[in-house]
Protein backbone atom coordinates (compact mmCIF):
# COMPACT_ATOMS: atom_id res chain seq x y z
CA UNK A 1 34.11 87.20 89.28
CA UNK A 2 35.94 84.11 88.08
CA UNK A 3 39.65 83.95 88.67
CA UNK A 4 40.25 87.63 89.35
CA UNK A 5 41.62 88.53 92.77
CA UNK A 6 41.32 91.72 94.74
CA UNK A 7 44.42 93.78 94.08
CA UNK A 8 46.66 94.37 97.07
CA UNK A 9 49.59 96.74 97.08
CA UNK A 10 51.97 94.02 98.23
CA UNK A 11 51.42 92.16 94.96
CA UNK A 12 53.41 94.79 93.08
CA UNK A 13 57.02 95.74 93.76
CA UNK A 14 57.70 99.33 94.71
CA UNK A 15 57.15 101.08 91.40
CA UNK A 16 60.11 103.42 91.55
CA UNK A 17 62.59 100.71 92.52
CA UNK A 18 61.34 98.22 89.96
CA UNK A 19 61.14 100.83 87.23
CA UNK A 20 64.68 101.96 87.89
CA UNK A 21 65.90 98.37 87.88
CA UNK A 22 64.52 97.93 84.38
CA UNK A 23 66.06 101.19 83.25
CA UNK A 24 69.45 100.20 84.62
CA UNK A 25 69.48 97.20 82.28
CA UNK A 26 69.72 99.60 79.37
CA UNK A 27 71.05 102.79 80.93
CA UNK A 28 73.40 101.82 83.75
CA UNK A 29 74.39 104.87 85.77
CA UNK A 30 72.09 107.03 83.63
CA UNK A 31 68.98 105.60 85.33
CA UNK A 32 68.74 108.77 87.44
CA UNK A 33 67.81 110.63 84.27
CA UNK A 34 64.35 109.07 84.45
CA UNK A 35 63.20 109.53 88.08
CA UNK A 36 59.70 108.49 89.08
CA UNK A 37 57.41 111.55 88.73
CA UNK A 38 55.99 113.06 91.89
CA UNK A 39 52.39 113.71 93.03
CA UNK A 40 52.39 117.21 91.57
CA UNK A 41 53.58 116.12 88.11
CA UNK A 42 51.14 116.04 85.24
CA UNK A 43 50.32 113.30 82.76
CA UNK A 44 53.04 114.30 80.32
CA UNK A 45 55.74 113.61 82.93
CA UNK A 46 54.24 110.18 83.59
CA UNK A 47 54.06 109.56 79.85
CA UNK A 48 57.78 110.25 79.41
CA UNK A 49 58.68 108.11 82.41
CA UNK A 50 56.55 105.18 81.25
CA UNK A 51 57.90 105.27 77.71
CA UNK A 52 61.46 105.16 79.03
CA UNK A 53 60.69 102.22 81.34
CA UNK A 54 58.92 100.35 78.55
CA UNK A 55 61.78 100.91 76.09
CA UNK A 56 64.26 99.56 78.62
CA UNK A 57 62.11 96.51 79.29
CA UNK A 58 61.65 95.84 75.57
CA UNK A 59 65.43 95.90 75.13
CA UNK A 60 65.68 92.81 77.34
CA UNK A 61 64.16 90.38 74.83
CA UNK A 62 64.17 87.23 76.98
CA UNK A 63 62.72 88.84 80.09
CA UNK A 64 60.20 90.80 78.08
CA UNK A 65 59.08 87.64 76.28
CA UNK A 66 58.40 85.93 79.59
CA UNK A 67 56.36 88.89 80.81
CA UNK A 68 54.27 88.95 77.64
CA UNK A 69 53.62 85.21 77.80
CA UNK A 70 52.59 85.45 81.46
CA UNK A 71 50.18 88.31 80.75
CA UNK A 72 48.63 86.39 77.86
CA UNK A 73 48.24 83.26 79.95
CA UNK A 74 46.55 85.15 82.78
CA UNK A 75 44.10 86.88 80.44
CA UNK A 76 43.35 83.57 78.70
CA UNK A 77 42.53 81.90 82.03
CA UNK A 78 40.29 84.80 83.07
CA UNK A 79 38.43 84.83 79.76
CA UNK A 80 37.94 81.06 79.89
CA UNK A 81 35.88 81.51 83.06
CA UNK A 82 33.57 84.12 81.53
CA UNK A 83 30.41 83.44 79.49
CA UNK A 84 30.73 83.96 75.73
CA UNK A 85 30.79 87.60 74.75
CA UNK A 86 32.45 90.02 72.35
CA UNK A 87 35.94 90.95 73.50
CA UNK A 88 37.33 94.22 72.19
CA UNK A 89 41.10 93.98 71.72
CA UNK A 90 43.54 96.63 70.53
CA UNK A 91 46.04 95.87 67.78
CA UNK A 92 49.40 96.42 69.42
CA UNK A 93 51.75 99.05 68.06
CA UNK A 94 55.42 99.49 68.80
CA UNK A 95 56.41 97.78 72.04
CA UNK A 96 52.88 97.42 73.43
CA UNK A 97 51.99 94.05 74.93
CA UNK A 98 50.43 92.03 72.10
CA UNK A 99 47.56 89.69 72.93
CA UNK A 100 46.90 88.73 69.30
CA UNK A 101 47.63 85.01 69.92
CA UNK A 102 44.54 84.83 72.14
CA UNK A 103 42.38 85.36 69.07
CA UNK A 104 44.13 82.60 67.13
CA UNK A 105 43.69 80.21 70.06
CA UNK A 106 39.94 80.11 69.45
CA UNK A 107 37.34 79.61 72.16
CA UNK A 108 33.77 80.74 72.78
CA UNK A 109 34.32 84.49 72.54
CA UNK A 110 33.88 86.76 69.55
CA UNK A 111 36.67 89.25 68.92
CA UNK A 112 36.52 92.84 67.79
CA UNK A 113 38.95 95.69 67.39
CA UNK A 114 38.93 99.44 66.87
CA UNK A 115 39.48 101.77 63.96
CA UNK A 116 40.92 105.25 64.43
CA UNK A 117 39.18 107.46 61.86
CA UNK A 118 40.61 110.77 60.63
CA UNK A 119 38.06 112.52 62.84
CA UNK A 120 35.71 111.45 65.60
CA UNK A 121 35.67 108.56 68.08
CA UNK A 122 37.01 105.04 67.67
CA UNK A 123 34.73 102.71 65.74
CA UNK A 124 34.21 98.99 66.42
CA UNK A 125 34.70 96.21 63.87
CA UNK A 126 35.20 92.41 63.74
CA UNK A 127 38.77 91.35 64.40
CA UNK A 128 39.00 89.55 61.06
CA UNK A 129 37.75 92.53 59.02
CA UNK A 130 39.90 93.65 56.06
CA UNK A 131 42.79 95.79 57.26
CA UNK A 132 44.66 98.88 56.20
CA UNK A 133 47.71 100.62 57.63
CA UNK A 134 47.09 103.73 59.68
CA UNK A 135 49.37 106.69 59.00
CA UNK A 136 51.10 105.98 62.35
CA UNK A 137 52.01 102.49 61.16
CA UNK A 138 49.59 100.17 62.98
CA UNK A 139 46.98 97.98 61.30
CA UNK A 140 43.28 98.73 61.62
CA UNK A 141 40.01 97.79 59.89
CA UNK A 142 39.23 99.60 56.68
CA UNK A 143 36.58 102.31 56.62
CA UNK A 144 34.14 99.99 54.83
CA UNK A 145 34.53 97.15 57.36
CA UNK A 146 31.41 95.73 59.04
CA UNK A 147 30.48 97.39 62.32
CA UNK A 148 30.17 95.72 65.74
CA UNK A 149 27.32 97.00 67.90
CA UNK A 150 28.50 98.66 71.11
CA UNK A 151 25.84 96.78 73.07
CA UNK A 152 27.45 93.46 72.09
CA UNK A 153 30.81 94.25 73.72
CA UNK A 154 31.21 92.62 77.12
CA UNK A 155 34.96 93.00 77.75
CA UNK A 156 37.44 95.68 76.66
CA UNK A 157 41.15 94.87 76.88
CA UNK A 158 42.68 98.32 77.27
CA UNK A 159 46.26 99.35 76.46
CA UNK A 160 48.05 102.10 78.34
CA UNK A 161 51.47 103.48 79.13
CA UNK A 162 51.09 103.33 82.92
CA UNK A 163 48.30 102.40 85.36
CA UNK A 164 47.68 103.04 89.04
CA UNK A 165 46.17 100.86 91.76
CA UNK A 166 42.82 102.65 91.49
CA UNK A 167 42.54 101.66 87.84
CA UNK A 168 43.38 104.99 86.24
CA UNK A 169 45.70 105.05 83.26
CA UNK A 170 47.81 107.39 81.20
CA UNK A 171 47.84 106.73 77.46
CA UNK A 172 49.14 108.71 74.54
CA UNK A 173 47.01 111.73 75.36
CA UNK A 174 44.32 111.68 72.69
CA UNK A 175 41.50 110.49 74.96
CA UNK A 176 40.23 107.89 72.51
CA UNK A 177 39.82 105.10 75.05
CA UNK A 178 38.22 107.26 77.73
CA UNK A 179 35.55 108.34 75.25
CA UNK A 180 35.14 104.76 74.05
CA UNK A 181 34.77 103.33 77.56
CA UNK A 182 32.26 106.03 78.49
CA UNK A 183 30.13 104.79 75.59
CA UNK A 184 30.36 101.15 76.80
CA UNK A 185 29.16 101.32 80.42
CA UNK A 186 28.12 97.65 80.51
CA UNK A 187 31.50 96.37 79.30
CA UNK A 188 34.26 95.32 81.72
CA UNK A 189 37.46 97.34 81.11
CA UNK A 190 40.64 95.36 81.80
CA UNK A 191 43.94 97.25 81.74
CA UNK A 192 46.81 95.37 80.08
CA UNK A 193 50.27 96.18 81.43
CA UNK A 194 53.28 94.87 83.31
CA UNK A 195 54.10 95.24 86.99
CA UNK A 196 56.89 97.73 86.35
CA UNK A 197 54.26 100.13 85.04
CA UNK A 198 51.81 99.96 87.95
CA UNK A 199 52.21 102.88 90.35
CA UNK A 200 50.45 104.11 93.46
CA UNK A 201 48.65 107.09 92.01
CA UNK A 202 48.36 108.91 88.70
CA UNK A 203 46.85 112.32 87.94
CA UNK A 204 43.27 111.93 86.71
CA UNK A 205 40.41 114.11 85.53
CA UNK A 206 36.65 113.80 85.56
CA UNK A 207 36.53 112.28 82.09
CA UNK A 208 39.03 109.50 82.90
CA UNK A 209 37.40 106.07 83.11
CA UNK A 210 39.09 103.68 85.58
CA UNK A 211 39.72 100.03 84.86
CA UNK A 212 37.80 97.42 86.84
CA UNK A 213 40.60 94.88 86.56
CA UNK A 214 44.29 94.93 85.79
CA UNK A 215 46.15 92.16 83.94
CA UNK A 216 49.90 91.85 84.53
CA UNK A 217 52.39 89.00 84.65
CA UNK A 218 51.06 88.39 88.20
CA UNK A 219 47.60 87.57 86.85
CA UNK A 220 44.27 89.38 86.58
CA UNK A 221 43.40 91.40 89.68
CA UNK A 222 40.22 93.23 90.64
CA UNK A 223 40.75 96.89 91.42
CA UNK A 224 37.44 97.83 92.98
CA UNK A 225 34.12 96.26 93.84
CA UNK A 226 32.20 95.59 90.64
CA UNK A 227 29.71 92.87 91.48
CA UNK A 228 31.12 90.75 88.65
């Protein structure tokens, strides 16, 4: 299992309090406009809440920079303890946590990334494949880029808007990563986030694929028994 620890609730501050603290940096008395969703709320409510928390955190450049560096360092340590494999990494868009410097740092692992085609599931390509700009603004491999075999992928570093302590996540609502992870059952999915966006429980459905580990500024923590 390497350096991953078993996740305990006490490792994370109370999600509502910490989330509201971040919001207050940008919103002051208006923080009540973004209350923590309740158990009966659906994914869209969690999406709105998480986006507001993330925007407020991103507005605090110094603090946000420290969080990003800590997440990167924790993931780097965890990967250093794993045998060489292909690591699938998203290309960050907007204020997502960027782990791109891990690729530049070198090491024994091979790196891959995804392409979002006009139709159909995400496709897998080498990280250094020729790039194009997606219509939503992020970079991705071109359609004619070489393909990475799904069987070669050993680790998937997964973005998300908000995660819970059982490993479930809420993303942008398209289901791309759930379908991708279902097609990579041998790969280890690691959620990439910050502590302010880890909550007790999120709504989930049968097609949602939980993370096995969660990487935050507190390190990489194991969410459930995996035998790794």
